[in-house]
Amino acid sequence: MRAWIILYLCLAGKALAAPQELAAEVEVIEETEPEALPVGANPVQISTGDFEETEDDTKKEIDTENPCENIHCKRGKVCEPDENNGAMCVCQNPATCPPSTVEFEKVCGTDNSTYDSACQLFATKCALEGTKKGHKLHLDYIGPCKFIQVCQDSELTEFPLRMRDWLKNVLVTLYERDNEENNLLTEKQKMKVKKMYENEKRLQVGEHSVDLLAHDFEKNYNMFVFPVHWQFGQLDQHPADKYLSHSELAPLRAPLVPMEHCTTRFFQECDADNDKYIALEEWAMCFGIKEEDIDGNLLI
């Protein structure tokens, strides 16, 4: 949990330093990718501009002098003028991707290969388009590939305890740091979080035993209902259909996998019907939210 809080503080600090726009989610399944989100919309979502993909290769009008000026190709492709001075998106040569300057820029693909950057991974995926290997190649997690130990059943039951507590504390921290310049939370979100912030029974940030976290959840159950819905709402935006695709989940999942080895198994098992999507009901129940408390109106 300490690692999670450190990660959040680093990300939140970055958000406060540059309150512009946080780029969109990572594609892990063949889907339409998101537009940019406001900074602070999802503090656990790292800056994923390098991973952005869009389905429409020609969203904006073509400039007559430079046909590629206003063209946004999906990740892994670049725009090139055609013989009629039109624009076309073609696969990028992986060798043209800028080399990584820090270890954090490297990514691990689902083929268990380390790529020097997300650019290189998606350019490679594009080159394999139409093949079985290309269809299966997606971003797995951020950082070089490493050994991820098997998540045991007993460990799996502990994961949502820490995750719930973390989400609650992330919201409280955003509330404390929010002001007119940052706008980390909407007014409706602030009203919800204010009740948690002022609750004297709230368990403070820190390293807590599994037993204490379980007791806190049982005793202060209502305090966790909104944070669980809030996180789902931050991810479910492309489109906002109350279903999380793998690509929508990736900005939360990708940075956590190297630190929490039960992350992958947890989200896999959340997909109870194995349809490759996590519905709001599946998500909430994975975090222990009662069926009668699952409310789409909380997806602010």
C-alpha atoms as a PDB file:
ATOM      1  CA  MET A   1       0.000   0.000   0.000  1.00  0.00           C
ATOM      2  CA  ARG A   2       2.902   2.358   0.745  1.00  0.00           C
ATOM      3  CA  ALA A   3       4.075   1.881  -2.836  1.00  0.00           C
ATOM      4  CA  TRP A   4       0.603   2.752  -4.094  1.00  0.00           C
ATOM      5  CA  ILE A   5       0.437   5.939  -2.044  1.00  0.00           C
ATOM      6  CA  ILE A   6       3.926   6.963  -3.218  1.00  0.00           C
ATOM      7  CA  LEU A   7       2.832   6.324  -6.799  1.00  0.00           C
ATOM      8  CA  TYR A   8      -0.287   8.448  -6.333  1.00  0.00           C
ATOM      9  CA  LEU A   9       1.627  11.331  -4.723  1.00  0.00           C
ATOM     10  CA  CYS A  10       4.084  11.372  -7.606  1.00  0.00           C
ATOM     11  CA  LEU A  11       1.260  11.375 -10.132  1.00  0.00           C
ATOM     12  CA  ALA A  12      -0.827  13.919  -8.275  1.00  0.00           C
ATOM     13  CA  GLY A  13       2.221  16.140  -7.940  1.00  0.00           C
ATOM     14  CA  LYS A  14       2.739  15.950 -11.662  1.00  0.00           C
ATOM     15  CA  ALA A  15      -0.908  16.813 -12.217  1.00  0.00           C
ATOM     16  CA  LEU A  16      -0.667  19.882  -9.996  1.00  0.00           C
ATOM     17  CA  ALA A  17       2.506  21.018 -11.715  1.00  0.00           C
ATOM     18  CA  ALA A  18       0.988  20.819 -15.163  1.00  0.00           C
ATOM     19  CA  PRO A  19      -2.816  21.006 -15.055  1.00  0.00           C
ATOM     20  CA  GLN A  20      -3.364  20.569 -18.751  1.00  0.00           C
ATOM     21  CA  GLU A  21      -4.874  17.366 -20.113  1.00  0.00           C
ATOM     22  CA  LEU A  22      -4.149  13.767 -19.326  1.00  0.00           C
ATOM     23  CA  ALA A  23      -3.909  11.696 -22.471  1.00  0.00           C
ATOM     24  CA  ALA A  24      -6.134   8.790 -23.219  1.00  0.00           C
ATOM     25  CA  GLU A  25      -6.121   5.156 -22.271  1.00  0.00           C
ATOM     26  CA  VAL A  26      -4.004   2.315 -23.565  1.00  0.00           C
ATOM     27  CA  GLU A  27      -5.409  -0.128 -26.083  1.00  0.00           C
ATOM     28  CA  VAL A  28      -5.109  -3.741 -25.069  1.00  0.00           C
ATOM     29  CA  ILE A  29      -8.091  -5.032 -27.056  1.00  0.00           C
ATOM     30  CA  GLU A  30      -8.991  -3.872 -30.572  1.00  0.00           C
ATOM     31  CA  GLU A  31     -11.323  -0.985 -29.725  1.00  0.00           C
ATOM     32  CA  THR A  32     -11.926   2.701 -30.217  1.00  0.00           C
ATOM     33  CA  GLU A  33      -9.565   4.581 -27.970  1.00  0.00           C
ATOM     34  CA  PRO A  34     -10.403   7.605 -25.810  1.00  0.00           C
ATOM     35  CA  GLU A  35      -9.886  11.307 -26.126  1.00  0.00           C
ATOM     36  CA  ALA A  36      -7.848  13.158 -23.505  1.00  0.00           C
ATOM     37  CA  LEU A  37      -9.185  13.425 -19.961  1.00  0.00           C
ATOM     38  CA  PRO A  38      -8.806  16.417 -17.627  1.00  0.00           C
ATOM     39  CA  VAL A  39      -5.892  16.259 -15.244  1.00  0.00           C
ATOM     40  CA  GLY A  40      -7.003  14.849 -11.922  1.00  0.00           C
ATOM     41  CA  ALA A  41      -9.869  12.894 -13.441  1.00  0.00           C
ATOM     42  CA  ASN A  42      -8.072   9.703 -12.553  1.00  0.00           C
ATOM     43  CA  PRO A  43      -4.997  10.084 -10.331  1.00  0.00           C
ATOM     44  CA  VAL A  44      -3.989   6.467 -10.771  1.00  0.00           C
ATOM     45  CA  GLN A  45      -3.997   6.901 -14.508  1.00  0.00           C
ATOM     46  CA  ILE A  46      -0.483   7.761 -15.564  1.00  0.00           C
ATOM     47  CA  SER A  47       0.251  10.112 -18.410  1.00  0.00           C
ATOM     48  CA  THR A  48      -0.426   7.777 -21.311  1.00  0.00           C
ATOM     49  CA  GLY A  49      -0.045  10.079 -24.287  1.00  0.00           C
ATOM     50  CA  ASP A  50       2.477   7.728 -25.836  1.00  0.00           C
ATOM     51  CA  PHE A  51      -0.116   4.958 -25.757  1.00  0.00           C
ATOM     52  CA  GLU A  52      -3.012   6.842 -27.332  1.00  0.00           C
ATOM     53  CA  GLU A  53      -4.866   5.147 -30.151  1.00  0.00           C
ATOM     54  CA  THR A  54      -7.882   6.260 -32.113  1.00  0.00           C
ATOM     55  CA  GLU A  55     -10.036   4.269 -34.476  1.00  0.00           C
ATOM     56  CA  ASP A  56     -10.681   7.023 -37.005  1.00  0.00           C
ATOM     57  CA  ASP A  57      -7.551   7.751 -39.055  1.00  0.00           C
ATOM     58  CA  THR A  58      -8.979  10.942 -40.567  1.00  0.00           C
ATOM     59  CA  LYS A  59     -10.977  12.721 -37.889  1.00  0.00           C
ATOM     60  CA  LYS A  60     -10.102  16.279 -38.944  1.00  0.00           C
ATOM     61  CA  GLU A  61     -10.281  18.078 -42.245  1.00  0.00           C
ATOM     62  CA  ILE A  62      -7.254  17.817 -44.473  1.00  0.00           C
ATOM     63  CA  ASP A  63      -5.224  20.976 -44.974  1.00  0.00           C
ATOM     64  CA  THR A  64      -4.750  21.740 -48.684  1.00  0.00           C
ATOM     65  CA  GLU A  65      -1.080  22.683 -48.330  1.00  0.00           C
ATOM     66  CA  ASN A  66      -0.091  20.038 -45.802  1.00  0.00           C
ATOM     67  CA  PRO A  67      -2.609  17.181 -45.973  1.00  0.00           C
ATOM     68  CA  CYS A  68      -1.200  15.557 -42.840  1.00  0.00           C
ATOM     69  CA  GLU A  69      -1.276  18.648 -40.633  1.00  0.00           C
ATOM     70  CA  ASN A  70      -4.643  17.936 -39.050  1.00  0.00           C
ATOM     71  CA  ILE A  71      -4.690  14.155 -39.407  1.00  0.00           C
ATOM     72  CA  HIS A  72      -4.584  12.024 -36.276  1.00  0.00           C
ATOM     73  CA  CYS A  73      -3.593   8.453 -37.027  1.00  0.00           C
ATOM     74  CA  LYS A  74      -4.121   5.673 -34.521  1.00  0.00           C
ATOM     75  CA  ARG A  75      -1.116   4.637 -32.485  1.00  0.00           C
ATOM     76  CA  GLY A  76       1.406   2.678 -34.510  1.00  0.00           C
ATOM     77  CA  LYS A  77       0.681   4.615 -37.700  1.00  0.00           C
ATOM     78  CA  VAL A  78       1.942   7.871 -39.196  1.00  0.00           C
ATOM     79  CA  CYS A  79       0.417  10.119 -41.822  1.00  0.00           C
ATOM     80  CA  GLU A  80       1.957  10.391 -45.274  1.00  0.00           C
ATOM     81  CA  PRO A  81       0.735  12.352 -48.327  1.00  0.00           C
ATOM     82  CA  ASP A  82      -0.469  10.214 -51.196  1.00  0.00           C
ATOM     83  CA  GLU A  83       0.060  10.838 -54.924  1.00  0.00           C
ATOM     84  CA  ASN A  84      -3.030  13.062 -55.067  1.00  0.00           C
ATOM     85  CA  ASN A  85      -1.833  15.245 -52.183  1.00  0.00           C
ATOM     86  CA  GLY A  86      -4.289  13.506 -49.931  1.00  0.00           C
ATOM     87  CA  ALA A  87      -3.487  11.930 -46.584  1.00  0.00           C
ATOM     88  CA  MET A  88      -3.090   8.301 -45.644  1.00  0.00           C
ATOM     89  CA  CYS A  89      -2.120   6.586 -42.408  1.00  0.00           C
ATOM     90  CA  VAL A  90       0.541   3.919 -42.773  1.00  0.00           C
ATOM     91  CA  CYS A  91       2.330   1.721 -40.271  1.00  0.00           C
ATOM     92  CA  GLN A  92       5.243   3.433 -38.602  1.00  0.00           C
ATOM     93  CA  ASN A  93       8.670   1.869 -38.889  1.00  0.00           C
ATOM     94  CA  PRO A  94       9.615   0.792 -35.324  1.00  0.00           C
ATOM     95  CA  ALA A  95      13.169   1.969 -36.019  1.00  0.00           C
ATOM     96  CA  THR A  96      11.922   5.572 -36.319  1.00  0.00           C
ATOM     97  CA  CYS A  97      10.584   5.630 -32.751  1.00  0.00           C
ATOM     98  CA  PRO A  98      12.613   7.854 -30.409  1.00  0.00           C
ATOM     99  CA  PRO A  99      14.814   5.799 -28.068  1.00  0.00           C
ATOM    100  CA  SER A 100      13.784   5.668 -24.428  1.00  0.00           C
ATOM    101  CA  THR A 101      15.751   7.879 -22.062  1.00  0.00           C
ATOM    102  CA  VAL A 102      14.531   6.375 -18.803  1.00  0.00           C
ATOM    103  CA  GLU A 103      13.620   2.866 -17.698  1.00  0.00           C
ATOM    104  CA  PHE A 104      10.023   3.905 -17.083  1.00  0.00           C
ATOM    105  CA  GLU A 105       9.463   4.469 -20.820  1.00  0.00           C
ATOM    106  CA  LYS A 106       9.986   0.787 -21.584  1.00  0.00           C
ATOM    107  CA  VAL A 107       6.865  -1.379 -21.725  1.00  0.00           C
ATOM    108  CA  CYS A 108       6.126  -5.083 -21.572  1.00  0.00           C
ATOM    109  CA  GLY A 109       3.939  -6.580 -24.267  1.00  0.00           C
ATOM    110  CA  THR A 110       1.557  -9.491 -23.918  1.00  0.00           C
ATOM    111  CA  ASP A 111       4.141 -11.522 -25.844  1.00  0.00           C
ATOM    112  CA  ASN A 112       6.392 -11.156 -22.780  1.00  0.00           C
ATOM    113  CA  SER A 113       8.849  -9.032 -24.775  1.00  0.00           C
ATOM    114  CA  THR A 114      10.241  -5.721 -23.552  1.00  0.00           C
ATOM    115  CA  TYR A 115       9.818  -2.832 -25.980  1.00  0.00           C
ATOM    116  CA  ASP A 116      11.973   0.275 -25.808  1.00  0.00           C
ATOM    117  CA  SER A 117       8.839   2.422 -25.819  1.00  0.00           C
ATOM    118  CA  ALA A 118       5.105   2.279 -26.378  1.00  0.00           C
ATOM    119  CA  CYS A 119       5.766   3.736 -29.819  1.00  0.00           C
ATOM    120  CA  GLN A 120       7.877   0.721 -30.714  1.00  0.00           C
ATOM    121  CA  LEU A 121       5.276  -1.719 -29.383  1.00  0.00           C
ATOM    122  CA  PHE A 122       2.389  -0.222 -31.341  1.00  0.00           C
ATOM    123  CA  ALA A 123       4.460   0.182 -34.509  1.00  0.00           C
ATOM    124  CA  THR A 124       5.335  -3.507 -34.242  1.00  0.00           C
ATOM    125  CA  LYS A 125       1.682  -4.370 -33.670  1.00  0.00           C
ATOM    126  CA  CYS A 126       0.686  -2.364 -36.747  1.00  0.00           C
ATOM    127  CA  ALA A 127       3.232  -4.194 -38.900  1.00  0.00           C
ATOM    128  CA  LEU A 128       1.639  -7.460 -37.766  1.00  0.00           C
ATOM    129  CA  GLU A 129      -1.888  -6.248 -38.489  1.00  0.00           C
ATOM    130  CA  GLY A 130      -4.088  -8.995 -39.877  1.00  0.00           C
ATOM    131  CA  THR A 131      -2.048 -11.766 -38.304  1.00  0.00           C
ATOM    132  CA  LYS A 132      -2.853 -13.862 -35.254  1.00  0.00           C
ATOM    133  CA  LYS A 133       0.288 -12.614 -33.541  1.00  0.00           C
ATOM    134  CA  GLY A 134      -0.633  -8.996 -34.191  1.00  0.00           C
ATOM    135  CA  HIS A 135      -4.179  -9.511 -32.892  1.00  0.00           C
ATOM    136  CA  LYS A 136      -2.837 -10.881 -29.618  1.00  0.00           C
ATOM    137  CA  LEU A 137      -0.095  -8.288 -29.127  1.00  0.00           C
ATOM    138  CA  HIS A 138      -1.089  -5.559 -26.670  1.00  0.00           C
ATOM    139  CA  LEU A 139       0.500  -3.572 -23.879  1.00  0.00           C
ATOM    140  CA  ASP A 140       0.602  -5.689 -20.728  1.00  0.00           C
ATOM    141  CA  TYR A 141       2.205  -3.355 -18.224  1.00  0.00           C
ATOM    142  CA  ILE A 142       4.553  -0.408 -17.895  1.00  0.00           C
ATOM    143  CA  GLY A 143       8.245  -1.078 -17.437  1.00  0.00           C
ATOM    144  CA  PRO A 144      10.520  -3.878 -18.674  1.00  0.00           C
ATOM    145  CA  CYS A 145       9.134  -7.404 -18.566  1.00  0.00           C
ATOM    146  CA  LYS A 146       9.798  -9.075 -15.249  1.00  0.00           C
ATOM    147  CA  PHE A 147       8.827 -12.191 -13.399  1.00  0.00           C
ATOM    148  CA  ILE A 148       5.349 -11.745 -11.934  1.00  0.00           C
ATOM    149  CA  GLN A 149       4.751 -14.311  -9.228  1.00  0.00           C
ATOM    150  CA  VAL A 150       1.560 -16.344  -9.179  1.00  0.00           C
ATOM    151  CA  CYS A 151      -1.277 -14.811  -7.163  1.00  0.00           C
ATOM    152  CA  GLN A 152      -2.449 -17.276  -4.530  1.00  0.00           C
ATOM    153  CA  ASP A 153      -6.095 -17.545  -3.464  1.00  0.00           C
ATOM    154  CA  SER A 154      -5.357 -16.097  -0.027  1.00  0.00           C
ATOM    155  CA  GLU A 155      -3.565 -13.125  -1.578  1.00  0.00           C
ATOM    156  CA  LEU A 156      -6.407 -12.527  -4.008  1.00  0.00           C
ATOM    157  CA  THR A 157      -8.843 -11.937  -1.138  1.00  0.00           C
ATOM    158  CA  GLU A 158      -6.546  -9.255   0.275  1.00  0.00           C
ATOM    159  CA  PHE A 159      -6.242  -7.263  -2.940  1.00  0.00           C
ATOM    160  CA  PRO A 160      -9.672  -5.523  -2.873  1.00  0.00           C
ATOM    161  CA  LEU A 161      -9.151  -4.604   0.802  1.00  0.00           C
ATOM    162  CA  ARG A 162      -6.055  -2.574  -0.051  1.00  0.00           C
ATOM    163  CA  MET A 163      -7.511  -1.250  -3.289  1.00  0.00           C
ATOM    164  CA  ARG A 164     -10.691   0.040  -1.649  1.00  0.00           C
ATOM    165  CA  ASP A 165      -8.729   1.762   1.111  1.00  0.00           C
ATOM    166  CA  TRP A 166      -6.406   3.285  -1.462  1.00  0.00           C
ATOM    167  CA  LEU A 167      -9.239   4.640  -3.618  1.00  0.00           C
ATOM    168  CA  LYS A 168     -10.833   6.226  -0.562  1.00  0.00           C
ATOM    169  CA  ASN A 169      -7.553   7.900   0.404  1.00  0.00           C
ATOM    170  CA  VAL A 170      -6.890   9.045  -3.168  1.00  0.00           C
ATOM    171  CA  LEU A 171     -10.222  10.862  -3.198  1.00  0.00           C
ATOM    172  CA  VAL A 172      -9.614  12.415   0.223  1.00  0.00           C
ATOM    173  CA  THR A 173      -6.164  13.615  -0.871  1.00  0.00           C
ATOM    174  CA  LEU A 174      -7.610  15.121  -4.051  1.00  0.00           C
ATOM    175  CA  TYR A 175     -10.237  16.878  -1.937  1.00  0.00           C
ATOM    176  CA  GLU A 176      -7.520  18.322   0.317  1.00  0.00           C
ATOM    177  CA  ARG A 177      -5.480  19.568  -2.636  1.00  0.00           C
ATOM    178  CA  ASP A 178      -8.331  20.788  -4.783  1.00  0.00           C
ATOM    179  CA  ASN A 179      -8.819  24.493  -5.390  1.00  0.00           C
ATOM    180  CA  GLU A 180     -10.106  26.818  -8.085  1.00  0.00           C
ATOM    181  CA  GLU A 181      -6.918  26.467 -10.134  1.00  0.00           C
ATOM    182  CA  ASN A 182      -6.639  22.682 -10.051  1.00  0.00           C
ATOM    183  CA  ASN A 183     -10.251  21.506 -10.347  1.00  0.00           C
ATOM    184  CA  LEU A 184      -9.294  17.947  -9.491  1.00  0.00           C
ATOM    185  CA  LEU A 185     -12.873  17.085  -8.538  1.00  0.00           C
ATOM    186  CA  THR A 186     -16.251  18.260  -9.769  1.00  0.00           C
ATOM    187  CA  GLU A 187     -18.620  19.984  -7.379  1.00  0.00           C
ATOM    188  CA  LYS A 188     -20.763  16.865  -7.093  1.00  0.00           C
ATOM    189  CA  GLN A 189     -17.693  14.770  -6.358  1.00  0.00           C
ATOM    190  CA  LYS A 190     -16.542  17.245  -3.721  1.00  0.00           C
ATOM    191  CA  MET A 191     -19.881  16.955  -1.955  1.00  0.00           C
ATOM    192  CA  LYS A 192     -19.545  13.174  -1.822  1.00  0.00           C
ATOM    193  CA  VAL A 193     -15.919  13.231  -0.669  1.00  0.00           C
ATOM    194  CA  LYS A 194     -16.527  15.950   1.912  1.00  0.00           C
ATOM    195  CA  LYS A 195     -18.627  13.499   3.927  1.00  0.00           C
ATOM    196  CA  MET A 196     -15.735  11.024   3.978  1.00  0.00           C
ATOM    197  CA  TYR A 197     -13.202  13.724   4.766  1.00  0.00           C
ATOM    198  CA  GLU A 198     -15.181  14.934   7.783  1.00  0.00           C
ATOM    199  CA  ASN A 199     -15.992  11.461   9.084  1.00  0.00           C
ATOM    200  CA  GLU A 200     -14.088  11.001  12.340  1.00  0.00           C
ATOM    201  CA  LYS A 201     -14.247   7.226  11.950  1.00  0.00           C
ATOM    202  CA  ARG A 202     -12.213   7.315   8.721  1.00  0.00           C
ATOM    203  CA  LEU A 203      -9.119   5.124   8.818  1.00  0.00           C
ATOM    204  CA  GLN A 204      -6.123   7.356   8.137  1.00  0.00           C
ATOM    205  CA  VAL A 205      -3.511   6.680   5.462  1.00  0.00           C
ATOM    206  CA  GLY A 206      -0.867   4.177   6.508  1.00  0.00           C
ATOM    207  CA  GLU A 207       0.210   0.574   6.561  1.00  0.00           C
ATOM    208  CA  HIS A 208      -2.662  -1.424   8.005  1.00  0.00           C
ATOM    209  CA  SER A 209      -3.112  -5.119   8.619  1.00  0.00           C
ATOM    210  CA  VAL A 210      -5.538  -7.133   6.538  1.00  0.00           C
ATOM    211  CA  ASP A 211      -7.691  -7.708   9.629  1.00  0.00           C
ATOM    212  CA  LEU A 212      -7.923  -3.972  10.318  1.00  0.00           C
ATOM    213  CA  LEU A 213      -8.834  -3.192   6.696  1.00  0.00           C
ATOM    214  CA  ALA A 214     -11.514  -5.882   6.742  1.00  0.00           C
ATOM    215  CA  HIS A 215     -12.920  -4.561  10.020  1.00  0.00           C
ATOM    216  CA  ASP A 216     -12.892  -0.990   8.689  1.00  0.00           C
ATOM    217  CA  PHE A 217     -14.789  -2.029   5.565  1.00  0.00           C
ATOM    218  CA  GLU A 218     -17.407  -3.845   7.607  1.00  0.00           C
ATOM    219  CA  LYS A 219     -17.778  -1.020  10.123  1.00  0.00           C
ATOM    220  CA  ASN A 220     -17.654   1.898   7.657  1.00  0.00           C
ATOM    221  CA  TYR A 221     -19.066   0.200   4.564  1.00  0.00           C
ATOM    222  CA  ASN A 222     -20.912   3.284   3.277  1.00  0.00           C
ATOM    223  CA  MET A 223     -17.639   5.177   3.083  1.00  0.00           C
ATOM    224  CA  PHE A 224     -16.411   2.905   0.286  1.00  0.00           C
ATOM    225  CA  VAL A 225     -19.455   2.816  -1.995  1.00  0.00           C
ATOM    226  CA  PHE A 226     -18.692   6.084  -3.796  1.00  0.00           C
ATOM    227  CA  PRO A 227     -14.906   5.550  -4.277  1.00  0.00           C
ATOM    228  CA  VAL A 228     -15.581   2.218  -6.007  1.00  0.00           C
ATOM    229  CA  HIS A 229     -18.160   3.821  -8.307  1.00  0.00           C
ATOM    230  CA  TRP A 230     -15.928   6.869  -8.856  1.00  0.00           C
ATOM    231  CA  GLN A 231     -13.012   4.814 -10.152  1.00  0.00           C
ATOM    232  CA  PHE A 232     -15.269   2.908 -12.532  1.00  0.00           C
ATOM    233  CA  GLY A 233     -16.669   6.194 -13.835  1.00  0.00           C
ATOM    234  CA  GLN A 234     -13.205   7.618 -14.477  1.00  0.00           C
ATOM    235  CA  LEU A 235     -12.289   4.619 -16.610  1.00  0.00           C
ATOM    236  CA  ASP A 236     -15.624   4.088 -18.377  1.00  0.00           C
ATOM    237  CA  GLN A 237     -15.602   7.000 -20.800  1.00  0.00           C
ATOM    238  CA  HIS A 238     -14.890   5.626 -24.263  1.00  0.00           C
ATOM    239  CA  PRO A 239     -17.782   5.048 -24.508  1.00  0.00           C
ATOM    240  CA  ALA A 240     -19.507   5.565 -21.165  1.00  0.00           C
ATOM    241  CA  ASP A 241     -21.642   2.452 -21.383  1.00  0.00           C
ATOM    242  CA  LYS A 242     -21.181   0.926 -17.904  1.00  0.00           C
ATOM    243  CA  TYR A 243     -18.790  -1.656 -19.319  1.00  0.00           C
ATOM    244  CA  LEU A 244     -15.008  -1.563 -19.011  1.00  0.00           C
ATOM    245  CA  SER A 245     -13.030  -2.878 -21.944  1.00  0.00           C
ATOM    246  CA  HIS A 246      -9.466  -4.021 -21.470  1.00  0.00           C
ATOM    247  CA  SER A 247      -8.241  -0.784 -23.053  1.00  0.00           C
ATOM    248  CA  GLU A 248     -10.326   1.368 -20.710  1.00  0.00           C
ATOM    249  CA  LEU A 249      -8.996  -0.580 -17.736  1.00  0.00           C
ATOM    250  CA  ALA A 250      -5.375  -0.405 -18.872  1.00  0.00           C
ATOM    251  CA  PRO A 251      -4.472   3.057 -17.439  1.00  0.00           C
ATOM    252  CA  LEU A 252      -5.303   1.713 -13.971  1.00  0.00           C
ATOM    253  CA  ARG A 253      -4.047  -1.822 -14.488  1.00  0.00           C
ATOM    254  CA  ALA A 254      -0.785  -1.244 -16.395  1.00  0.00           C
ATOM    255  CA  PRO A 255       1.110   0.712 -13.699  1.00  0.00           C
ATOM    256  CA  LEU A 256      -0.147  -1.575 -10.907  1.00  0.00           C
ATOM    257  CA  VAL A 257       0.842  -4.975 -12.320  1.00  0.00           C
ATOM    258  CA  PRO A 258       4.583  -4.698 -11.507  1.00  0.00           C
ATOM    259  CA  MET A 259       3.802  -3.684  -7.912  1.00  0.00           C
ATOM    260  CA  GLU A 260       0.741  -5.805  -7.149  1.00  0.00           C
ATOM    261  CA  HIS A 261       1.089  -9.291  -8.597  1.00  0.00           C
ATOM    262  CA  CYS A 262      -2.611 -10.089  -8.030  1.00  0.00           C
ATOM    263  CA  THR A 263      -3.770  -7.234 -10.281  1.00  0.00           C
ATOM    264  CA  THR A 264      -4.149  -9.292 -13.445  1.00  0.00           C
ATOM    265  CA  ARG A 265      -5.913 -12.213 -11.796  1.00  0.00           C
ATOM    266  CA  PHE A 266      -8.236  -9.910  -9.849  1.00  0.00           C
ATOM    267  CA  PHE A 267      -9.510  -8.100 -12.930  1.00  0.00           C
ATOM    268  CA  GLN A 268      -9.711 -11.323 -14.924  1.00  0.00           C
ATOM    269  CA  GLU A 269     -11.958 -12.865 -12.305  1.00  0.00           C
ATOM    270  CA  CYS A 270     -14.046  -9.694 -12.109  1.00  0.00           C
ATOM    271  CA  ASP A 271     -15.195 -10.579 -15.611  1.00  0.00           C
ATOM    272  CA  ALA A 272     -17.530 -13.240 -14.236  1.00  0.00           C
ATOM    273  CA  ASP A 273     -19.196 -14.049 -17.564  1.00  0.00           C
ATOM    274  CA  ASN A 274     -15.848 -14.037 -19.407  1.00  0.00           C
ATOM    275  CA  ASP A 275     -17.121 -11.733 -22.166  1.00  0.00           C
ATOM    276  CA  LYS A 276     -13.941  -9.577 -22.121  1.00  0.00           C
ATOM    277  CA  TYR A 277     -15.818  -6.684 -20.498  1.00  0.00           C
ATOM    278  CA  ILE A 278     -16.284  -5.795 -16.835  1.00  0.00           C
ATOM    279  CA  ALA A 279     -19.804  -4.518 -16.245  1.00  0.00           C
ATOM    280  CA  LEU A 280     -20.526  -2.043 -13.454  1.00  0.00           C
ATOM    281  CA  GLU A 281     -22.278  -4.798 -11.509  1.00  0.00           C
ATOM    282  CA  GLU A 282     -19.267  -7.129 -11.862  1.00  0.00           C
ATOM    283  CA  TRP A 283     -16.852  -4.372 -10.845  1.00  0.00           C
ATOM    284  CA  ALA A 284     -18.835  -3.335  -7.761  1.00  0.00           C
ATOM    285  CA  MET A 285     -19.327  -6.883  -6.544  1.00  0.00           C
ATOM    286  CA  CYS A 286     -15.592  -7.597  -6.968  1.00  0.00           C
ATOM    287  CA  PHE A 287     -14.983  -4.818  -4.463  1.00  0.00           C
ATOM    288  CA  GLY A 288     -17.624  -6.111  -2.062  1.00  0.00           C
ATOM    289  CA  ILE A 289     -20.349  -3.570  -2.832  1.00  0.00           C
ATOM    290  CA  LYS A 290     -23.809  -4.984  -2.198  1.00  0.00           C
ATOM    291  CA  GLU A 291     -26.114  -5.415  -5.176  1.00  0.00           C
ATOM    292  CA  GLU A 292     -28.683  -3.003  -3.761  1.00  0.00           C
ATOM    293  CA  ASP A 293     -26.009  -0.282  -3.473  1.00  0.00           C
ATOM    294  CA  ILE A 294     -24.855  -0.461  -7.091  1.00  0.00           C
ATOM    295  CA  ASP A 295     -26.035   2.809  -8.628  1.00  0.00           C
ATOM    296  CA  GLY A 296     -25.193   4.136 -12.080  1.00  0.00           C
ATOM    297  CA  ASN A 297     -26.043   7.635 -10.846  1.00  0.00           C
ATOM    298  CA  LEU A 298     -22.874   7.552  -8.721  1.00  0.00           C
ATOM    299  CA  LEU A 299     -20.722   7.472 -11.870  1.00  0.00           C
ATOM    300  CA  ILE A 300     -20.188  11.219 -11.657  1.00  0.00           C
END
